[in-house]
C-alpha atoms as a PDB file:
ATOM      1  CA  MET A   1      -5.361   6.878  28.321  1.00  0.00           C
ATOM      2  CA  LEU A   2      -4.274   4.178  25.861  1.00  0.00           C
ATOM      3  CA  VAL A   3      -1.305   4.559  23.528  1.00  0.00           C
ATOM      4  CA  HIS A   4      -0.935   2.668  20.282  1.00  0.00           C
ATOM      5  CA  PRO A   5       1.792   0.014  20.742  1.00  0.00           C
ATOM      6  CA  GLN A   6       3.692   1.158  17.633  1.00  0.00           C
ATOM      7  CA  PHE A   7       4.324  -2.305  16.260  1.00  0.00           C
ATOM      8  CA  ASP A   8       7.138  -2.809  13.814  1.00  0.00           C
ATOM      9  CA  PRO A   9       5.281  -3.113  10.478  1.00  0.00           C
ATOM     10  CA  VAL A  10       7.773  -5.798   9.459  1.00  0.00           C
ATOM     11  CA  ALA A  11       6.940  -9.097  11.139  1.00  0.00           C
ATOM     12  CA  LEU A  12       9.962 -11.075   9.936  1.00  0.00           C
ATOM     13  CA  HIS A  13      13.395 -10.247   8.578  1.00  0.00           C
ATOM     14  CA  ILE A  14      14.830 -13.186   6.651  1.00  0.00           C
ATOM     15  CA  PRO A  15      18.507 -12.819   5.606  1.00  0.00           C
ATOM     16  CA  LEU A  16      19.218 -14.326   2.190  1.00  0.00           C
ATOM     17  CA  GLY A  17      22.949 -13.666   2.062  1.00  0.00           C
ATOM     18  CA  PHE A  18      22.864 -11.142  -0.773  1.00  0.00           C
ATOM     19  CA  ALA A  19      19.750  -9.384   0.520  1.00  0.00           C
ATOM     20  CA  GLU A  20      17.100  -9.455   3.232  1.00  0.00           C
ATOM     21  CA  LEU A  21      13.504 -10.506   2.767  1.00  0.00           C
ATOM     22  CA  SER A  22      11.038  -8.478   4.828  1.00  0.00           C
ATOM     23  CA  ILE A  23       7.607  -9.937   5.531  1.00  0.00           C
ATOM     24  CA  ARG A  24       5.140  -7.308   6.664  1.00  0.00           C
ATOM     25  CA  TRP A  25       2.281  -7.794   9.076  1.00  0.00           C
ATOM     26  CA  TYR A  26      -0.228  -6.462   6.565  1.00  0.00           C
ATOM     27  CA  GLY A  27       0.874  -9.028   4.007  1.00  0.00           C
ATOM     28  CA  LEU A  28       0.536 -11.746   6.631  1.00  0.00           C
ATOM     29  CA  MET A  29      -2.977 -10.543   7.408  1.00  0.00           C
ATOM     30  CA  TYR A  30      -3.859 -10.980   3.741  1.00  0.00           C
ATOM     31  CA  LEU A  31      -2.631 -14.576   3.964  1.00  0.00           C
ATOM     32  CA  VAL A  32      -4.674 -15.067   7.139  1.00  0.00           C
ATOM     33  CA  ALA A  33      -7.708 -13.608   5.370  1.00  0.00           C
ATOM     34  CA  PHE A  34      -7.391 -16.007   2.443  1.00  0.00           C
ATOM     35  CA  GLY A  35      -6.813 -18.922   4.832  1.00  0.00           C
ATOM     36  CA  LEU A  36      -9.950 -18.045   6.785  1.00  0.00           C
ATOM     37  CA  PHE A  37     -11.916 -17.853   3.547  1.00  0.00           C
ATOM     38  CA  VAL A  38     -10.851 -21.386   2.608  1.00  0.00           C
ATOM     39  CA  LEU A  39     -11.678 -22.674   6.101  1.00  0.00           C
ATOM     40  CA  CYS A  40     -15.133 -21.105   6.108  1.00  0.00           C
ATOM     41  CA  ALA A  41     -15.835 -22.279   2.574  1.00  0.00           C
ATOM     42  CA  ARG A  42     -14.938 -25.868   3.464  1.00  0.00           C
ATOM     43  CA  LEU A  43     -17.225 -25.664   6.490  1.00  0.00           C
ATOM     44  CA  GLN A  44     -19.930 -24.417   4.157  1.00  0.00           C
ATOM     45  CA  LEU A  45     -19.622 -27.645   2.165  1.00  0.00           C
ATOM     46  CA  ARG A  46     -20.858 -29.571   5.211  1.00  0.00           C
ATOM     47  CA  ARG A  47     -24.208 -27.817   5.164  1.00  0.00           C
ATOM     48  CA  PRO A  48     -26.819 -30.043   3.469  1.00  0.00           C
ATOM     49  CA  HIS A  49     -28.417 -27.267   1.403  1.00  0.00           C
ATOM     50  CA  ILE A  50     -24.952 -26.239   0.141  1.00  0.00           C
ATOM     51  CA  ALA A  51     -23.817 -29.792  -0.579  1.00  0.00           C
ATOM     52  CA  ALA A  52     -27.014 -30.297  -2.598  1.00  0.00           C
ATOM     53  CA  GLN A  53     -25.801 -27.608  -5.023  1.00  0.00           C
ATOM     54  CA  GLY A  54     -22.888 -29.819  -6.046  1.00  0.00           C
ATOM     55  CA  TRP A  55     -19.966 -27.758  -4.748  1.00  0.00           C
ATOM     56  CA  GLU A  56     -16.604 -29.514  -4.514  1.00  0.00           C
ATOM     57  CA  PRO A  57     -13.368 -28.662  -2.641  1.00  0.00           C
ATOM     58  CA  ARG A  58     -11.574 -27.865  -5.897  1.00  0.00           C
ATOM     59  CA  ASP A  59     -14.163 -25.158  -6.581  1.00  0.00           C
ATOM     60  CA  ILE A  60     -12.967 -23.345  -3.445  1.00  0.00           C
ATOM     61  CA  ASP A  61      -9.332 -23.322  -4.598  1.00  0.00           C
ATOM     62  CA  ASP A  62     -10.286 -21.903  -7.995  1.00  0.00           C
ATOM     63  CA  MET A  63     -12.667 -19.430  -6.363  1.00  0.00           C
ATOM     64  CA  LEU A  64      -9.840 -18.188  -4.139  1.00  0.00           C
ATOM     65  CA  PHE A  65      -7.563 -17.612  -7.134  1.00  0.00           C
ATOM     66  CA  TRP A  66     -10.205 -15.593  -8.986  1.00  0.00           C
ATOM     67  CA  GLY A  67     -11.068 -13.713  -5.809  1.00  0.00           C
ATOM     68  CA  LEU A  68      -7.418 -12.840  -5.193  1.00  0.00           C
ATOM     69  CA  LEU A  69      -7.214 -11.231  -8.624  1.00  0.00           C
ATOM     70  CA  GLY A  70     -10.410  -9.294  -7.952  1.00  0.00           C
ATOM     71  CA  VAL A  71      -9.363  -8.085  -4.482  1.00  0.00           C
ATOM     72  CA  ILE A  72      -5.949  -6.800  -5.528  1.00  0.00           C
ATOM     73  CA  GLY A  73      -6.885  -5.437  -8.937  1.00  0.00           C
ATOM     74  CA  GLY A  74     -10.214  -3.938  -7.880  1.00  0.00           C
ATOM     75  CA  GLY A  75      -8.908  -2.677  -4.549  1.00  0.00           C
ATOM     76  CA  ARG A  76      -6.090  -0.756  -6.192  1.00  0.00           C
ATOM     77  CA  LEU A  77      -8.142   0.621  -9.072  1.00  0.00           C
ATOM     78  CA  GLY A  78     -10.886   1.592  -6.646  1.00  0.00           C
ATOM     79  CA  TYR A  79      -8.431   3.601  -4.566  1.00  0.00           C
ATOM     80  CA  VAL A  80      -7.076   5.279  -7.691  1.00  0.00           C
ATOM     81  CA  LEU A  81     -10.514   6.187  -9.074  1.00  0.00           C
ATOM     82  CA  PHE A  82     -12.452   6.911  -5.861  1.00  0.00           C
ATOM     83  CA  TYR A  83      -9.826   8.678  -3.788  1.00  0.00           C
ATOM     84  CA  LYS A  84      -6.966  10.143  -5.896  1.00  0.00           C
ATOM     85  CA  PRO A  85      -7.959  10.200  -9.576  1.00  0.00           C
ATOM     86  CA  GLU A  86      -6.281  13.526 -10.327  1.00  0.00           C
ATOM     87  CA  TYR A  87      -3.023  12.520  -8.645  1.00  0.00           C
ATOM     88  CA  TYR A  88      -2.739   9.209 -10.478  1.00  0.00           C
ATOM     89  CA  LEU A  89      -3.724  10.815 -13.759  1.00  0.00           C
ATOM     90  CA  HIS A  90      -0.375  12.587 -13.547  1.00  0.00           C
ATOM     91  CA  HIS A  91       1.511   9.662 -11.989  1.00  0.00           C
ATOM     92  CA  LEU A  92       0.390   6.697 -14.081  1.00  0.00           C
ATOM     93  CA  ASP A  93       3.500   4.686 -13.235  1.00  0.00           C
ATOM     94  CA  GLU A  94       2.505   4.646  -9.550  1.00  0.00           C
ATOM     95  CA  ILE A  95      -0.841   2.919 -10.131  1.00  0.00           C
ATOM     96  CA  VAL A  96       0.788  -0.520 -10.011  1.00  0.00           C
ATOM     97  CA  GLN A  97       2.962   0.316  -6.991  1.00  0.00           C
ATOM     98  CA  VAL A  98       0.669  -1.348  -4.458  1.00  0.00           C
ATOM     99  CA  TRP A  99       3.570  -1.795  -2.031  1.00  0.00           C
ATOM    100  CA  HIS A 100       3.326   1.938  -1.283  1.00  0.00           C
ATOM    101  CA  GLY A 101      -0.204   1.438   0.077  1.00  0.00           C
ATOM    102  CA  GLY A 102      -3.589   2.537  -1.161  1.00  0.00           C
ATOM    103  CA  MET A 103      -6.366  -0.051  -1.393  1.00  0.00           C
ATOM    104  CA  SER A 104     -10.121   0.492  -1.345  1.00  0.00           C
ATOM    105  CA  PHE A 105     -12.557  -2.056   0.061  1.00  0.00           C
ATOM    106  CA  HIS A 106     -15.343  -0.839  -2.195  1.00  0.00           C
ATOM    107  CA  GLY A 107     -13.067  -1.149  -5.228  1.00  0.00           C
ATOM    108  CA  GLY A 108     -11.987  -4.601  -4.094  1.00  0.00           C
ATOM    109  CA  PHE A 109     -15.630  -5.534  -3.661  1.00  0.00           C
ATOM    110  CA  LEU A 110     -16.416  -4.534  -7.244  1.00  0.00           C
ATOM    111  CA  GLY A 111     -13.326  -6.407  -8.397  1.00  0.00           C
ATOM    112  CA  VAL A 112     -14.493  -9.556  -6.602  1.00  0.00           C
ATOM    113  CA  LEU A 113     -17.955  -9.223  -8.166  1.00  0.00           C
ATOM    114  CA  ALA A 114     -16.375  -9.112 -11.618  1.00  0.00           C
ATOM    115  CA  ALA A 115     -14.042 -12.008 -10.822  1.00  0.00           C
ATOM    116  CA  MET A 116     -16.860 -14.136  -9.422  1.00  0.00           C
ATOM    117  CA  ALA A 117     -19.039 -13.382 -12.449  1.00  0.00           C
ATOM    118  CA  ALA A 118     -16.241 -14.659 -14.683  1.00  0.00           C
ATOM    119  CA  PHE A 119     -15.644 -17.707 -12.480  1.00  0.00           C
ATOM    120  CA  GLY A 120     -19.359 -18.503 -12.330  1.00  0.00           C
ATOM    121  CA  ALA A 121     -19.672 -18.239 -16.099  1.00  0.00           C
ATOM    122  CA  SER A 122     -16.746 -20.647 -16.529  1.00  0.00           C
ATOM    123  CA  ARG A 123     -18.497 -23.210 -14.309  1.00  0.00           C
ATOM    124  CA  GLY A 124     -22.054 -22.575 -15.420  1.00  0.00           C
ATOM    125  CA  ARG A 125     -23.020 -21.327 -11.970  1.00  0.00           C
ATOM    126  CA  PRO A 126     -25.728 -18.664 -11.535  1.00  0.00           C
ATOM    127  CA  PHE A 127     -24.146 -15.474 -10.194  1.00  0.00           C
ATOM    128  CA  PHE A 128     -26.202 -15.117  -7.020  1.00  0.00           C
ATOM    129  CA  GLN A 129     -25.940 -18.799  -6.130  1.00  0.00           C
ATOM    130  CA  LEU A 130     -22.174 -18.291  -6.187  1.00  0.00           C
ATOM    131  CA  MET A 131     -22.290 -15.049  -4.216  1.00  0.00           C
ATOM    132  CA  ASP A 132     -24.587 -16.602  -1.600  1.00  0.00           C
ATOM    133  CA  PHE A 133     -21.914 -19.242  -1.104  1.00  0.00           C
ATOM    134  CA  VAL A 134     -19.102 -16.686  -0.861  1.00  0.00           C
ATOM    135  CA  ALA A 135     -20.752 -14.010   1.312  1.00  0.00           C
ATOM    136  CA  PRO A 136     -20.618 -15.795   4.712  1.00  0.00           C
ATOM    137  CA  CYS A 137     -16.912 -16.540   4.166  1.00  0.00           C
ATOM    138  CA  VAL A 138     -15.822 -12.928   3.612  1.00  0.00           C
ATOM    139  CA  PRO A 139     -16.203 -11.130   6.988  1.00  0.00           C
ATOM    140  CA  ALA A 140     -13.568 -13.238   8.774  1.00  0.00           C
ATOM    141  CA  GLY A 141     -11.043 -12.036   6.191  1.00  0.00           C
ATOM    142  CA  LEU A 142     -12.210  -8.455   6.637  1.00  0.00           C
ATOM    143  CA  ALA A 143     -11.516  -8.802  10.364  1.00  0.00           C
ATOM    144  CA  ALA A 144      -7.954  -9.905   9.591  1.00  0.00           C
ATOM    145  CA  GLY A 145      -7.473  -6.912   7.312  1.00  0.00           C
ATOM    146  CA  ARG A 146      -8.658  -4.432   9.946  1.00  0.00           C
ATOM    147  CA  LEU A 147      -6.337  -6.034  12.477  1.00  0.00           C
ATOM    148  CA  GLY A 148      -3.551  -5.406   9.984  1.00  0.00           C
ATOM    149  CA  ASN A 149      -4.593  -1.743   9.806  1.00  0.00           C
ATOM    150  CA  PHE A 150      -4.358  -1.520  13.598  1.00  0.00           C
ATOM    151  CA  ILE A 151      -0.927  -3.154  13.705  1.00  0.00           C
ATOM    152  CA  ASN A 152       0.288  -0.690  11.066  1.00  0.00           C
ATOM    153  CA  GLY A 153      -1.197   2.220  13.019  1.00  0.00           C
ATOM    154  CA  GLU A 154      -3.047   3.469   9.928  1.00  0.00           C
ATOM    155  CA  LEU A 155      -6.640   4.575   9.321  1.00  0.00           C
ATOM    156  CA  TRP A 156      -6.788   6.069  12.817  1.00  0.00           C
ATOM    157  CA  GLY A 157      -9.867   7.684  14.296  1.00  0.00           C
ATOM    158  CA  ARG A 158     -11.102  11.189  14.966  1.00  0.00           C
ATOM    159  CA  PRO A 159     -10.195  13.038  18.189  1.00  0.00           C
ATOM    160  CA  THR A 160     -12.442  12.064  21.104  1.00  0.00           C
ATOM    161  CA  ASP A 161     -12.669  11.981  24.896  1.00  0.00           C
ATOM    162  CA  VAL A 162     -14.184   8.495  25.299  1.00  0.00           C
ATOM    163  CA  PRO A 163     -12.509   6.409  28.050  1.00  0.00           C
ATOM    164  CA  TRP A 164     -11.003   3.965  25.539  1.00  0.00           C
ATOM    165  CA  ALA A 165      -9.488   6.705  23.362  1.00  0.00           C
ATOM    166  CA  MET A 166      -6.015   5.963  22.028  1.00  0.00           C
ATOM    167  CA  ILE A 167      -3.076   8.191  21.185  1.00  0.00           C
ATOM    168  CA  PHE A 168      -1.341   7.429  17.902  1.00  0.00           C
ATOM    169  CA  PRO A 169       2.146   8.953  18.412  1.00  0.00           C
ATOM    170  CA  GLN A 170       2.920   8.869  14.687  1.00  0.00           C
ATOM    171  CA  VAL A 171       0.001  11.259  14.145  1.00  0.00           C
ATOM    172  CA  ASP A 172      -0.136  13.610  17.149  1.00  0.00           C
ATOM    173  CA  ASN A 173      -0.780  13.571  20.882  1.00  0.00           C
ATOM    174  CA  LEU A 174      -4.559  13.811  20.657  1.00  0.00           C
ATOM    175  CA  PRO A 175      -6.690  10.960  22.029  1.00  0.00           C
ATOM    176  CA  ARG A 176      -8.524   9.380  19.112  1.00  0.00           C
ATOM    177  CA  HIS A 177     -11.060   6.676  18.369  1.00  0.00           C
ATOM    178  CA  PRO A 178      -9.336   3.325  17.657  1.00  0.00           C
ATOM    179  CA  SER A 179     -11.486   3.120  14.545  1.00  0.00           C
ATOM    180  CA  GLN A 180      -9.589   0.141  13.133  1.00  0.00           C
ATOM    181  CA  LEU A 181     -10.853  -1.873  16.100  1.00  0.00           C
ATOM    182  CA  TYR A 182     -14.392  -0.588  15.545  1.00  0.00           C
ATOM    183  CA  GLN A 183     -14.260  -1.924  12.003  1.00  0.00           C
ATOM    184  CA  PHE A 184     -12.642  -5.159  13.191  1.00  0.00           C
ATOM    185  CA  ALA A 185     -15.550  -5.642  15.607  1.00  0.00           C
ATOM    186  CA  GLY A 186     -18.310  -4.477  13.233  1.00  0.00           C
ATOM    187  CA  GLU A 187     -17.686  -5.404   9.607  1.00  0.00           C
ATOM    188  CA  GLY A 188     -15.395  -8.228  10.764  1.00  0.00           C
ATOM    189  CA  LEU A 189     -16.618 -10.164  13.795  1.00  0.00           C
ATOM    190  CA  GLY A 190     -20.157  -8.771  13.999  1.00  0.00           C
ATOM    191  CA  LEU A 191     -20.880  -9.292  10.320  1.00  0.00           C
ATOM    192  CA  PHE A 192     -19.318 -12.751  10.428  1.00  0.00           C
ATOM    193  CA  VAL A 193     -21.628 -13.873  13.237  1.00  0.00           C
ATOM    194  CA  LEU A 194     -24.637 -12.379  11.462  1.00  0.00           C
ATOM    195  CA  MET A 195     -23.822 -14.005   8.125  1.00  0.00           C
ATOM    196  CA  TRP A 196     -22.811 -17.367   9.537  1.00  0.00           C
ATOM    197  CA  LEU A 197     -25.956 -17.751  11.593  1.00  0.00           C
ATOM    198  CA  PHE A 198     -28.268 -16.422   8.884  1.00  0.00           C
ATOM    199  CA  SER A 199     -26.830 -18.704   6.223  1.00  0.00           C
ATOM    200  CA  ARG A 200     -27.292 -21.893   8.263  1.00  0.00           C
ATOM    201  CA  ARG A 201     -30.703 -22.335   6.669  1.00  0.00           C
ATOM    202  CA  PRO A 202     -31.595 -22.172   2.962  1.00  0.00           C
ATOM    203  CA  HIS A 203     -33.035 -18.912   1.644  1.00  0.00           C
ATOM    204  CA  ALA A 204     -34.223 -17.681  -1.717  1.00  0.00           C
ATOM    205  CA  THR A 205     -31.247 -17.212  -4.028  1.00  0.00           C
ATOM    206  CA  GLY A 206     -29.790 -13.720  -3.558  1.00  0.00           C
ATOM    207  CA  VAL A 207     -31.085 -13.105  -0.033  1.00  0.00           C
ATOM    208  CA  ILE A 208     -27.810 -14.022   1.679  1.00  0.00           C
ATOM    209  CA  SER A 209     -25.925 -11.724  -0.702  1.00  0.00           C
ATOM    210  CA  ALA A 210     -28.426  -8.975   0.122  1.00  0.00           C
ATOM    211  CA  VAL A 211     -27.863  -9.368   3.859  1.00  0.00           C
ATOM    212  CA  PHE A 212     -24.112  -9.057   3.310  1.00  0.00           C
ATOM    213  CA  LEU A 213     -24.528  -5.869   1.273  1.00  0.00           C
ATOM    214  CA  MET A 214     -26.775  -4.243   3.858  1.00  0.00           C
ATOM    215  CA  GLY A 215     -24.784  -5.535   6.819  1.00  0.00           C
ATOM    216  CA  TYR A 216     -21.415  -4.356   5.573  1.00  0.00           C
ATOM    217  CA  GLY A 217     -22.840  -1.041   4.422  1.00  0.00           C
ATOM    218  CA  VAL A 218     -24.421  -0.310   7.813  1.00  0.00           C
ATOM    219  CA  PHE A 219     -21.398  -1.404   9.877  1.00  0.00           C
ATOM    220  CA  ARG A 220     -19.018   0.608   7.684  1.00  0.00           C
ATOM    221  CA  PHE A 221     -21.291   3.664   7.629  1.00  0.00           C
ATOM    222  CA  LEU A 222     -21.456   3.736  11.429  1.00  0.00           C
ATOM    223  CA  ALA A 223     -17.729   3.096  11.933  1.00  0.00           C
ATOM    224  CA  GLU A 224     -16.881   6.027   9.660  1.00  0.00           C
ATOM    225  CA  PHE A 225     -18.265   8.443  12.265  1.00  0.00           C
ATOM    226  CA  GLY A 226     -15.261   7.530  14.395  1.00  0.00           C
ATOM    227  CA  ARG A 227     -12.703   7.304  11.592  1.00  0.00           C
ATOM    228  CA  GLU A 228     -10.590  10.275  10.532  1.00  0.00           C
ATOM    229  CA  PRO A 229     -11.429  11.117   6.913  1.00  0.00           C
ATOM    230  CA  ASP A 230      -8.605  11.145   4.399  1.00  0.00           C
ATOM    231  CA  ASN A 231      -6.798  14.466   4.730  1.00  0.00           C
ATOM    232  CA  PHE A 232      -6.822  15.017   0.974  1.00  0.00           C
ATOM    233  CA  LEU A 233     -10.616  14.632   0.882  1.00  0.00           C
ATOM    234  CA  GLY A 234     -11.997  15.634   4.270  1.00  0.00           C
ATOM    235  CA  LEU A 235     -15.719  15.375   4.823  1.00  0.00           C
ATOM    236  CA  LEU A 236     -17.917  15.660   1.762  1.00  0.00           C
ATOM    237  CA  THR A 237     -21.566  16.635   1.174  1.00  0.00           C
ATOM    238  CA  PHE A 238     -23.749  16.597   4.308  1.00  0.00           C
ATOM    239  CA  GLY A 239     -20.649  16.030   6.422  1.00  0.00           C
ATOM    240  CA  LEU A 240     -20.272  12.423   5.286  1.00  0.00           C
ATOM    241  CA  SER A 241     -16.971  10.754   4.438  1.00  0.00           C
ATOM    242  CA  MET A 242     -16.123   9.074   1.150  1.00  0.00           C
ATOM    243  CA  GLY A 243     -16.446   5.704   2.890  1.00  0.00           C
ATOM    244  CA  GLN A 244     -19.991   6.573   3.931  1.00  0.00           C
ATOM    245  CA  TRP A 245     -21.000   7.744   0.481  1.00  0.00           C
ATOM    246  CA  LEU A 246     -19.623   4.546  -1.022  1.00  0.00           C
ATOM    247  CA  SER A 247     -21.489   2.467   1.581  1.00  0.00           C
ATOM    248  CA  LEU A 248     -24.898   3.987   0.908  1.00  0.00           C
ATOM    249  CA  PRO A 249     -25.267   2.360  -2.552  1.00  0.00           C
ATOM    250  CA  MET A 250     -24.413  -0.991  -0.946  1.00  0.00           C
ATOM    251  CA  ILE A 251     -27.224  -0.587   1.590  1.00  0.00           C
ATOM    252  CA  LEU A 252     -29.728   0.471  -1.060  1.00  0.00           C
ATOM    253  CA  ALA A 253     -28.669  -2.283  -3.471  1.00  0.00           C
ATOM    254  CA  GLY A 254     -28.919  -4.835  -0.675  1.00  0.00           C
ATOM    255  CA  ALA A 255     -32.418  -3.687   0.245  1.00  0.00           C
ATOM    256  CA  TRP A 256     -33.567  -3.913  -3.378  1.00  0.00           C
ATOM    257  CA  LEU A 257     -31.916  -7.315  -3.829  1.00  0.00           C
ATOM    258  CA  ALA A 258     -33.580  -8.691  -0.683  1.00  0.00           C
ATOM    259  CA  TRP A 259     -36.963  -7.518  -1.965  1.00  0.00           C
ATOM    260  CA  ALA A 260     -36.462  -8.888  -5.483  1.00  0.00           C
ATOM    261  CA  ALA A 261     -34.958 -12.198  -4.340  1.00  0.00           C
ATOM    262  CA  SER A 262     -37.658 -12.883  -1.774  1.00  0.00           C
ATOM    263  CA  ARG A 263     -40.246 -12.467  -4.528  1.00  0.00           C
ATOM    264  CA  ARG A 264     -38.307 -14.624  -7.003  1.00  0.00           C
ATOM    265  CA  MET A 265     -38.002 -11.666  -9.345  1.00  0.00           C
ATOM    266  CA  LEU A 266     -34.293 -12.073 -10.211  1.00  0.00           C
ATOM    267  CA  PRO A 267     -33.475 -13.140 -13.791  1.00  0.00           C
ATOM    268  CA  ARG A 268     -33.005 -16.897 -14.098  1.00  0.00           C
ATOM    269  CA  ALA A 269     -29.508 -16.444 -15.527  1.00  0.00           C
ATOM    270  CA  LEU A 270     -28.468 -14.734 -12.269  1.00  0.00           C
ATOM    271  CA  ALA A 271     -30.418 -16.771  -9.753  1.00  0.00           C
ATOM    272  CA  GLY A 272     -30.779 -20.160 -11.429  1.00  0.00           C
ATOM    273  CA  GLY A 273     -33.780 -22.387 -10.878  1.00  0.00           C
END
């Protein structure tokens, strides 16, 4: 039986004389995620069909800044609206207290969409051309985030008797699915390999974005069967978790987008050409 290592959530303690600066593992994983995005994006620039679109290194830096705003703002608002709207309605001052935890991938995803739409408009880039460039660069950062969840010992799994079950002492003594590692392997590494290989060749504008939507939605939906649902929500209609219900629209939207893009039916303002 495995036991969670119970890492110290603080990676570094830096004395400053009058105070101490604490750098947390989860914050470091965010930095790793953004670094991996930049690395993948720069590798993207070497692909002939990407270079032909006129991307430049400075575009990546600006894209990262806009994306950072979308991830943090959308992730927090998504958590507030999707998971605890009633609580935050009565505790408005806590909405901005992100250091207490509470971020939603699906909210962050919507935030990034809005940020990229604004960035694309500022550069005259069609929305789906931009998102096709971004999509293969995202899963590596998602993997870093899930590794941060595992280090923190949060988002643990449901009780199970599988051989690789893990006890999380901060929760109880029940063997549980290490669901953070499932998500690290699925929506992180697995999706990265899928997206990176698929995007090596040119496709109709929007298709790569569609594959990301469907791929993330499926990986997340499956991983949720091993993840303990939030105790303040539990399982919802049909025994599905909130994460699963939020993933279903992604899968459906991705399927529709793949169909429309492959038939060149997307509006020119969104797809270009």
